[in-house]
Amino acid sequence: MRRRRINERSADRTRQRQPLLPLLVRHVEERYDHTRTLLEQASASASNAPFTHVGRTYRRVLTEQDLTLARGGHRTPVRVRDDAGQLIVIEAEEETAFWDWAAVETSRHSGVRIEEMCEVSHLSIRHYQRNSGEMVALLVVSPSKTDRERVIPMSAELFHVIASVIRRHTRDGNPVPLLRRFDPHDKVWSPPMPFLFQRKIGATRSVISPVTVLSMLERRGKDLAEHHPAFRSVKFTPHDFRRTFTTELVNSGLPVHIGAALLGHLNIQTTRGYVAVFDEDVVRHYLTHLNERRQLRSDDEYRDVTSDEWDEFEEHFDKRKVELGACGRPYGTPCQHEHACIRCPMLQVSPKMINRLDDLITRRARAKTEGWAGEIEGLDLTLQLLRAKRDDTHRRTQRPAVDLGIPTPRTTGAP
């Protein structure tokens, strides 16, 4: 019973976060692309020379300290000042944005634990040649939580991220720096190794810690919460990427025991607990059953529609048209709410009617002035429902129209 409750909570957590993962991925990608291109333009600009990036004007800035470094033959950091007068150390911004992107992409494409990601080194990259001559890039994870080495074949996306990390460390022609990493669980220092997830802050270079990754995810969640309210109550952790990775693999047809090997699970039931979220097998088998049953039915059952049946069909959709939009009730069903459309969950508000809903705010203000407590209570409930409808209407207007084409009648004797 206790284990089932834990799995249910984990499954619910994954159900909440899987639809939000594309938003997080797009956010870190756009942030990295923005800072990278801004750094490239700033580096190519002369001091105090204005340039435009994504509709904003920037100016390369050299401080007194930078001029001193330049006279001494040292490299100066790239700083810019935007049109609002804010000074931005764009090199530091780009560095942070890159590691945010690399951590999210590595986690979601490999399913490794956060400690394992921080332990990945240049020595973890291997190549395997198949009998057909194809070369497969491998990511060797060792040691893992169970102290057992495992191998993960890298997808094209994961290989791109790892290659980007290596290229960043070796862009000056030097190998990946050797660092020692402290293991907080075993309380020991590792031997010097070319860890990939390392960065230099000031004069100190150190391996990125799991706490740093957690802080990064928290900051990105707060940024997204300003435009996406769902992130105000939902927080991502590195383990959420691991669960989502497993769910997508197994629901796409990968055998669960292979998933257990990729994740490093000793017990296959642990992996089942990761993927018991969206039972795609049930849907897939049910649709296959429906297709087989349709093929067994006689062609005589697929007769032409009579004029009376077609008139009744059109009449149903005519009756679903209301002042504020359209009713979404299924075909052949009557109105169950006595046409109280403004609170009906089936109402699909037309975008042209959104402004009319603002009248309720004026009515509530007057009710508050007059002291009509019952009116205020009813209007608050109505406004709560209408805000949800307004958000749904905005989402629907962003979706492109899909042309399904005109169906063609079946010919006699067709299967």
Protein backbone atom coordinates (compact mmCIF):
# COMPACT_ATOMS: atom_id res chain seq x y z
CA MET A 1 0.00 0.00 0.00
CA ARG A 2 2.74 2.46 0.93
CA ARG A 3 4.71 1.72 -2.22
CA ARG A 4 1.59 2.17 -4.36
CA ARG A 5 0.90 5.56 -2.80
CA ILE A 6 4.49 6.65 -3.46
CA ASN A 7 4.22 5.57 -7.10
CA GLU A 8 0.91 7.40 -7.46
CA ARG A 9 2.41 10.64 -6.15
CA SER A 10 5.44 10.25 -8.43
CA ALA A 11 3.18 9.55 -11.42
CA ASP A 12 1.09 12.62 -10.68
CA ARG A 13 4.24 14.72 -10.38
CA THR A 14 5.42 13.55 -13.79
CA ARG A 15 1.98 14.18 -15.34
CA GLN A 16 2.14 17.77 -14.14
CA ARG A 17 5.65 18.44 -15.39
CA GLN A 18 5.78 16.62 -18.71
CA PRO A 19 3.56 19.19 -20.52
CA LEU A 20 5.67 22.02 -19.04
CA LEU A 21 9.04 20.55 -20.05
CA PRO A 22 8.95 21.99 -23.62
CA LEU A 23 8.46 25.47 -22.15
CA LEU A 24 11.51 25.08 -19.92
CA VAL A 25 13.60 23.68 -22.78
CA ARG A 26 12.60 26.52 -25.12
CA HIS A 27 13.34 29.08 -22.41
CA VAL A 28 16.92 27.91 -21.76
CA GLU A 29 17.56 27.52 -25.52
CA GLU A 30 16.34 31.02 -26.35
CA ARG A 31 18.25 32.51 -23.42
CA TYR A 32 21.48 30.83 -24.51
CA ASP A 33 21.00 31.81 -28.18
CA HIS A 34 20.27 35.41 -27.20
CA THR A 35 23.34 35.82 -24.97
CA ARG A 36 25.60 33.97 -27.44
CA THR A 37 24.68 36.13 -30.43
CA LEU A 38 24.84 39.28 -28.29
CA LEU A 39 28.34 38.33 -27.15
CA GLU A 40 29.44 37.74 -30.74
CA GLN A 41 28.19 41.17 -31.83
CA ALA A 42 29.67 42.91 -28.80
CA SER A 43 33.05 41.24 -29.29
CA ALA A 44 33.18 42.48 -32.88
CA SER A 45 32.20 46.05 -31.94
CA ALA A 46 34.59 48.86 -31.10
CA SER A 47 34.54 50.66 -27.79
CA ASN A 48 31.51 52.96 -27.36
CA ALA A 49 30.27 51.94 -30.79
CA PRO A 50 26.47 51.33 -30.79
CA PHE A 51 24.98 48.22 -32.35
CA THR A 52 21.50 46.71 -32.53
CA HIS A 53 20.51 43.25 -31.38
CA VAL A 54 16.92 41.93 -31.49
CA GLY A 55 15.50 45.43 -31.74
CA ARG A 56 17.51 46.88 -28.85
CA THR A 57 20.52 49.18 -28.96
CA TYR A 58 23.70 48.26 -27.08
CA ARG A 59 27.07 49.92 -26.71
CA ARG A 60 30.41 48.24 -25.99
CA VAL A 61 31.86 49.54 -22.71
CA LEU A 62 35.49 49.59 -21.54
CA THR A 63 35.96 50.54 -17.89
CA GLU A 64 39.14 52.00 -16.40
CA GLN A 65 40.04 48.56 -15.14
CA ASP A 66 39.61 47.15 -18.64
CA LEU A 67 41.89 49.81 -20.08
CA THR A 68 44.53 48.94 -17.50
CA LEU A 69 44.30 45.28 -18.43
CA ALA A 70 44.52 46.13 -22.13
CA ARG A 71 47.67 48.24 -21.63
CA GLY A 72 49.23 45.29 -19.81
CA GLY A 73 48.47 42.96 -22.71
CA HIS A 74 45.78 41.09 -20.83
CA ARG A 75 42.39 40.06 -22.15
CA THR A 76 39.50 42.32 -21.15
CA PRO A 77 36.00 41.07 -20.36
CA VAL A 78 33.21 42.04 -22.73
CA ARG A 79 30.72 44.47 -21.21
CA VAL A 80 27.81 46.24 -22.85
CA ARG A 81 25.34 48.88 -21.79
CA ASP A 82 21.78 48.64 -23.10
CA ASP A 83 19.50 51.49 -24.13
CA ALA A 84 18.14 51.64 -20.57
CA GLY A 85 21.61 52.34 -19.18
CA GLN A 86 22.06 48.94 -17.52
CA LEU A 87 25.60 47.54 -17.54
CA ILE A 88 25.73 43.86 -18.57
CA VAL A 89 28.78 41.63 -18.25
CA ILE A 90 27.72 39.68 -21.29
CA GLU A 91 30.51 37.10 -21.02
CA ALA A 92 29.30 36.03 -17.58
CA GLU A 93 25.68 36.04 -18.79
CA GLU A 94 26.55 33.86 -21.77
CA GLU A 95 28.57 31.47 -19.59
CA THR A 96 25.68 31.02 -17.17
CA ALA A 97 23.15 30.60 -19.98
CA PHE A 98 25.31 27.95 -21.65
CA TRP A 99 25.61 25.79 -18.53
CA ASP A 100 21.90 26.14 -17.83
CA TRP A 101 21.19 24.85 -21.32
CA ALA A 102 23.82 22.08 -21.11
CA ALA A 103 22.52 20.81 -17.75
CA VAL A 104 18.88 20.67 -18.89
CA GLU A 105 19.69 19.04 -22.23
CA THR A 106 22.08 16.46 -20.76
CA SER A 107 19.61 15.50 -18.03
CA ARG A 108 16.59 15.10 -20.28
CA HIS A 109 18.40 13.23 -23.08
CA SER A 110 20.37 10.82 -20.88
CA GLY A 111 18.25 10.24 -17.77
CA VAL A 112 21.34 10.24 -15.54
CA ARG A 113 21.17 11.20 -11.88
CA ILE A 114 22.39 14.66 -10.99
CA GLU A 115 25.46 13.27 -9.18
CA GLU A 116 26.29 11.16 -12.23
CA MET A 117 26.01 14.15 -14.56
CA CYS A 118 28.43 16.15 -12.42
CA GLU A 119 30.86 13.19 -12.53
CA VAL A 120 30.87 12.86 -16.33
CA SER A 121 34.38 13.43 -17.67
CA HIS A 122 36.12 13.50 -21.03
CA LEU A 123 37.06 9.87 -20.35
CA SER A 124 33.36 8.95 -20.25
CA ILE A 125 33.03 9.37 -24.02
CA ARG A 126 33.60 6.12 -25.91
CA HIS A 127 32.90 4.84 -29.41
CA TYR A 128 31.57 1.47 -30.48
CA GLN A 129 31.73 0.07 -34.00
CA ARG A 130 28.89 -2.25 -34.97
CA ASN A 131 29.25 -5.18 -37.37
CA SER A 132 27.80 -3.00 -40.12
CA GLY A 133 30.65 -0.52 -39.65
CA GLU A 134 28.42 2.14 -38.04
CA MET A 135 30.05 4.09 -35.21
CA VAL A 136 27.94 4.63 -32.12
CA ALA A 137 28.89 7.22 -29.49
CA LEU A 138 28.58 5.92 -25.92
CA LEU A 139 28.38 7.69 -22.58
CA VAL A 140 29.93 5.58 -19.81
CA VAL A 141 28.45 6.35 -16.39
CA SER A 142 30.75 5.20 -13.59
CA PRO A 143 30.43 5.03 -10.69
CA SER A 144 26.69 5.38 -10.34
CA LYS A 145 24.43 5.26 -7.30
CA THR A 146 24.67 1.47 -7.23
CA ASP A 147 28.45 1.56 -7.84
CA ARG A 148 27.92 -0.30 -11.13
CA GLU A 149 29.17 1.00 -14.45
CA ARG A 150 26.64 1.29 -17.25
CA VAL A 151 26.72 2.46 -20.85
CA ILE A 152 24.23 4.81 -22.53
CA PRO A 153 24.15 5.04 -26.36
CA MET A 154 24.04 8.75 -27.13
CA SER A 155 21.32 10.18 -29.32
CA ALA A 156 22.16 12.92 -31.81
CA GLU A 157 20.79 15.55 -29.38
CA LEU A 158 22.84 14.27 -26.44
CA PHE A 159 25.98 13.99 -28.55
CA HIS A 160 25.51 17.60 -29.69
CA VAL A 161 25.37 18.82 -26.08
CA ILE A 162 28.41 16.82 -24.96
CA ALA A 163 30.36 17.93 -28.03
CA SER A 164 29.45 21.57 -27.29
CA VAL A 165 30.75 21.22 -23.74
CA ILE A 166 34.04 19.70 -24.90
CA ARG A 167 34.44 22.34 -27.61
CA ARG A 168 33.95 25.09 -25.04
CA HIS A 169 36.70 23.69 -22.81
CA THR A 170 39.14 23.13 -25.69
CA ARG A 171 38.46 26.25 -27.80
CA ASP A 172 41.81 27.75 -26.82
CA GLY A 173 43.69 24.68 -28.01
CA ASN A 174 44.20 23.26 -24.51
CA PRO A 175 42.82 19.95 -23.23
CA VAL A 176 39.98 19.78 -20.73
CA PRO A 177 41.43 20.99 -17.38
CA LEU A 178 42.04 18.39 -14.69
CA LEU A 179 40.17 19.00 -11.44
CA ARG A 180 39.48 17.16 -8.21
CA ARG A 181 35.87 16.75 -7.17
CA PHE A 182 34.66 16.30 -3.60
CA ASP A 183 32.09 13.55 -3.10
CA PRO A 184 29.70 14.71 -0.34
CA HIS A 185 28.38 11.18 0.22
CA ASP A 186 31.69 9.32 0.55
CA LYS A 187 33.46 12.40 2.00
CA VAL A 188 36.48 11.90 -0.27
CA TRP A 189 38.22 13.82 -3.05
CA SER A 190 38.47 12.24 -6.48
CA PRO A 191 41.77 12.04 -8.35
CA PRO A 192 42.39 14.81 -10.92
CA MET A 193 40.08 14.15 -13.87
CA PRO A 194 38.88 16.11 -16.94
CA PHE A 195 35.34 16.69 -15.65
CA LEU A 196 33.07 18.15 -18.31
CA PHE A 197 30.71 20.06 -16.03
CA GLN A 198 33.23 22.54 -14.69
CA ARG A 199 33.43 26.30 -15.05
CA LYS A 200 35.67 29.17 -14.07
CA ILE A 201 34.31 31.95 -11.88
CA GLY A 202 36.86 34.71 -11.39
CA ALA A 203 40.23 33.04 -10.88
CA THR A 204 38.77 29.80 -9.47
CA ARG A 205 37.80 26.81 -11.57
CA SER A 206 35.65 24.13 -9.95
CA VAL A 207 33.28 21.29 -10.81
CA ILE A 208 29.61 22.26 -10.96
CA SER A 209 27.80 20.85 -7.93
CA PRO A 210 24.26 19.40 -7.73
CA VAL A 211 23.25 22.33 -5.51
CA THR A 212 24.24 24.72 -8.31
CA VAL A 213 22.02 22.84 -10.78
CA LEU A 214 19.10 22.96 -8.34
CA SER A 215 19.55 26.72 -7.93
CA MET A 216 19.68 27.14 -11.70
CA LEU A 217 16.38 25.29 -12.16
CA GLU A 218 14.80 27.39 -9.44
CA ARG A 219 15.89 30.64 -11.14
CA ARG A 220 14.63 29.53 -14.53
CA GLY A 221 11.32 28.50 -12.98
CA LYS A 222 10.90 31.96 -11.45
CA ASP A 223 11.62 33.56 -14.83
CA LEU A 224 8.99 31.41 -16.52
CA ALA A 225 6.44 32.04 -13.76
CA GLU A 226 6.23 35.68 -14.86
CA HIS A 227 4.60 34.63 -18.14
CA HIS A 228 3.37 31.07 -17.39
CA PRO A 229 1.33 30.83 -14.15
CA ALA A 230 1.74 27.03 -14.05
CA PHE A 231 5.38 27.47 -12.99
CA ARG A 232 4.31 29.35 -9.86
CA SER A 233 3.27 26.11 -8.17
CA VAL A 234 5.43 23.61 -10.10
CA LYS A 235 9.17 23.30 -9.58
CA PHE A 236 11.54 21.13 -11.61
CA THR A 237 14.29 19.02 -10.06
CA PRO A 238 16.97 17.01 -11.91
CA HIS A 239 15.16 13.79 -11.00
CA ASP A 240 12.05 14.99 -12.88
CA PHE A 241 14.09 14.82 -16.11
CA ARG A 242 15.06 11.25 -15.26
CA ARG A 243 11.44 10.19 -14.79
CA THR A 244 10.28 11.97 -17.94
CA PHE A 245 13.14 10.39 -19.92
CA THR A 246 12.09 6.92 -18.76
CA THR A 247 8.40 7.54 -19.42
CA GLU A 248 8.99 8.67 -23.00
CA LEU A 249 11.31 5.75 -23.77
CA VAL A 250 9.07 2.98 -22.46
CA ASN A 251 5.84 4.52 -23.80
CA SER A 252 7.54 4.73 -27.22
CA GLY A 253 7.98 0.95 -27.25
CA LEU A 254 11.33 0.35 -25.53
CA PRO A 255 11.18 -2.83 -23.38
CA VAL A 256 11.11 -1.97 -19.71
CA HIS A 257 14.11 -4.19 -18.90
CA ILE A 258 16.20 -2.22 -21.42
CA GLY A 259 15.05 0.97 -19.72
CA ALA A 260 16.14 -0.46 -16.38
CA ALA A 261 19.61 -1.13 -17.78
CA LEU A 262 19.91 2.41 -19.14
CA LEU A 263 18.86 3.89 -15.80
CA GLY A 264 21.01 1.61 -13.67
CA HIS A 265 18.08 0.09 -11.76
CA LEU A 266 18.79 -3.24 -10.09
CA ASN A 267 15.08 -3.95 -9.72
CA ILE A 268 12.86 -3.75 -12.79
CA GLN A 269 9.91 -2.79 -10.56
CA THR A 270 11.69 0.48 -9.81
CA THR A 271 11.63 1.29 -13.52
CA ARG A 272 7.97 0.36 -13.75
CA GLY A 273 7.28 2.91 -11.05
CA TYR A 274 8.94 5.54 -13.24
CA VAL A 275 6.81 4.84 -16.32
CA ALA A 276 3.38 4.06 -14.87
CA VAL A 277 2.09 7.46 -15.96
CA PHE A 278 0.67 7.37 -19.50
CA ASP A 279 -0.38 3.83 -20.40
CA GLU A 280 0.19 4.11 -24.14
CA ASP A 281 -0.01 0.33 -24.57
CA VAL A 282 -3.68 0.33 -23.58
CA VAL A 283 -4.52 3.06 -26.10
CA ARG A 284 -2.44 1.46 -28.86
CA HIS A 285 -4.00 -1.99 -28.41
CA TYR A 286 -7.52 -0.56 -28.17
CA LEU A 287 -7.14 1.38 -31.43
CA THR A 288 -5.79 -1.74 -33.12
CA HIS A 289 -8.85 -3.64 -31.88
CA LEU A 290 -11.18 -0.96 -33.28
CA ASN A 291 -9.51 -1.07 -36.70
CA GLU A 292 -9.76 -4.86 -36.84
CA ARG A 293 -13.43 -4.75 -35.81
CA ARG A 294 -14.22 -2.18 -38.54
CA GLN A 295 -12.66 -4.40 -41.17
CA LEU A 296 -14.96 -7.28 -40.17
CA ARG A 297 -18.14 -5.22 -40.61
CA SER A 298 -20.14 -5.50 -43.80
CA ASP A 299 -19.91 -2.75 -46.39
CA ASP A 300 -23.71 -2.60 -46.41
CA GLU A 301 -23.62 -0.91 -43.03
CA TYR A 302 -21.84 2.07 -44.58
CA ARG A 303 -24.89 3.48 -46.37
CA ASP A 304 -25.40 7.03 -47.63
CA VAL A 305 -26.82 9.63 -45.28
CA THR A 306 -30.47 10.53 -45.84
CA SER A 307 -31.56 14.14 -46.21
CA ASP A 308 -33.49 14.02 -42.92
CA GLU A 309 -30.45 12.71 -41.06
CA TRP A 310 -28.24 15.41 -42.55
CA ASP A 311 -30.78 18.13 -41.66
CA GLU A 312 -30.90 16.87 -38.09
CA PHE A 313 -27.11 16.88 -37.96
CA GLU A 314 -26.89 20.50 -39.17
CA GLU A 315 -29.69 21.57 -36.85
CA HIS A 316 -27.73 20.34 -33.84
CA PHE A 317 -24.78 22.58 -34.67
CA ASP A 318 -27.07 25.53 -35.39
CA LYS A 319 -28.55 25.19 -31.90
CA ARG A 320 -25.07 25.17 -30.37
CA LYS A 321 -24.50 28.77 -31.48
CA VAL A 322 -25.04 31.21 -28.62
CA GLU A 323 -24.35 34.90 -28.08
CA LEU A 324 -20.93 34.50 -26.44
CA GLY A 325 -19.60 31.77 -28.72
CA ALA A 326 -20.45 28.11 -29.25
CA CYS A 327 -21.59 25.22 -27.08
CA GLY A 328 -19.32 22.20 -27.02
CA ARG A 329 -21.90 19.59 -26.03
CA PRO A 330 -21.75 16.30 -27.96
CA TYR A 331 -23.94 15.61 -30.96
CA GLY A 332 -27.44 14.46 -30.14
CA THR A 333 -27.47 15.74 -26.56
CA PRO A 334 -29.73 18.53 -25.23
CA CYS A 335 -28.64 21.49 -23.11
CA GLN A 336 -28.31 20.34 -19.49
CA HIS A 337 -27.86 23.79 -17.94
CA GLU A 338 -31.11 25.53 -18.96
CA HIS A 339 -29.05 27.79 -21.22
CA ALA A 340 -27.08 29.29 -18.32
CA CYS A 341 -24.20 29.56 -20.76
CA ILE A 342 -22.01 32.04 -18.93
CA ARG A 343 -21.11 29.43 -16.27
CA CYS A 344 -21.47 26.33 -18.41
CA PRO A 345 -18.20 24.37 -18.81
CA MET A 346 -19.26 23.52 -22.38
CA LEU A 347 -19.22 27.17 -23.49
CA GLN A 348 -16.44 28.03 -25.93
CA VAL A 349 -16.14 31.81 -25.83
CA SER A 350 -15.56 33.59 -29.14
CA PRO A 351 -12.46 35.83 -29.18
CA LYS A 352 -14.68 38.72 -30.32
CA MET A 353 -16.68 38.47 -27.09
CA ILE A 354 -13.77 38.62 -24.66
CA ASN A 355 -14.18 42.38 -24.10
CA ARG A 356 -17.85 41.94 -23.12
CA LEU A 357 -16.79 39.85 -20.14
CA ASP A 358 -15.18 42.93 -18.62
CA ASP A 359 -18.66 44.25 -17.84
CA LEU A 360 -18.84 41.81 -14.94
CA ILE A 361 -15.95 43.60 -13.22
CA THR A 362 -17.93 46.84 -13.37
CA ARG A 363 -21.00 45.07 -11.97
CA ARG A 364 -18.96 43.65 -9.11
CA ALA A 365 -17.56 47.09 -8.26
CA ARG A 366 -21.08 48.48 -8.01
CA ALA A 367 -22.23 45.50 -5.93
CA LYS A 368 -19.37 46.12 -3.53
CA THR A 369 -20.31 49.80 -3.27
CA GLU A 370 -23.96 48.97 -2.61
CA GLY A 371 -23.10 46.18 -0.17
CA TRP A 372 -24.82 43.41 -2.15
CA ALA A 373 -22.99 40.46 -0.55
CA GLY A 374 -24.98 37.80 -2.38
CA GLU A 375 -24.39 39.48 -5.73
CA ILE A 376 -20.64 39.71 -5.01
CA GLU A 377 -20.45 36.01 -4.17
CA GLY A 378 -22.19 35.03 -7.39
CA LEU A 379 -20.11 37.39 -9.52
CA ASP A 380 -16.85 36.12 -7.97
CA LEU A 381 -17.73 32.56 -8.97
CA THR A 382 -18.67 33.69 -12.47
CA LEU A 383 -15.46 35.71 -12.85
CA GLN A 384 -13.37 32.75 -11.72
CA LEU A 385 -14.92 30.55 -14.40
CA LEU A 386 -14.65 33.25 -17.06
CA ARG A 387 -10.95 33.84 -16.41
CA ALA A 388 -10.36 30.18 -17.18
CA LYS A 389 -12.46 30.49 -20.36
CA ARG A 390 -10.56 33.63 -21.38
CA ASP A 391 -7.20 31.84 -21.02
CA ASP A 392 -8.54 28.88 -23.00
CA THR A 393 -9.78 31.24 -25.73
CA HIS A 394 -6.36 32.89 -26.00
CA ARG A 395 -4.72 29.47 -26.32
CA ARG A 396 -7.11 28.43 -29.08
CA THR A 397 -6.45 31.60 -31.06
CA GLN A 398 -2.73 30.78 -31.10
CA ARG A 399 -3.28 27.40 -32.70
CA PRO A 400 -3.03 27.35 -36.51
CA ALA A 401 -6.02 26.12 -38.44
CA VAL A 402 -5.77 22.52 -39.64
CA ASP A 403 -7.26 21.61 -43.00
CA LEU A 404 -8.69 18.10 -42.77
CA GLY A 405 -9.84 18.10 -46.38
CA ILE A 406 -13.18 16.93 -47.75
CA PRO A 407 -14.04 13.25 -47.04
CA THR A 408 -14.75 11.13 -50.08
CA PRO A 409 -17.50 8.49 -50.09
CA ARG A 410 -16.49 4.87 -50.13
CA THR A 411 -16.85 3.05 -53.40
CA THR A 412 -18.80 -0.16 -53.61
CA GLY A 413 -16.70 -3.19 -52.80
CA ALA A 414 -13.95 -1.21 -51.04
CA PRO A 415 -12.59 -2.91 -47.90
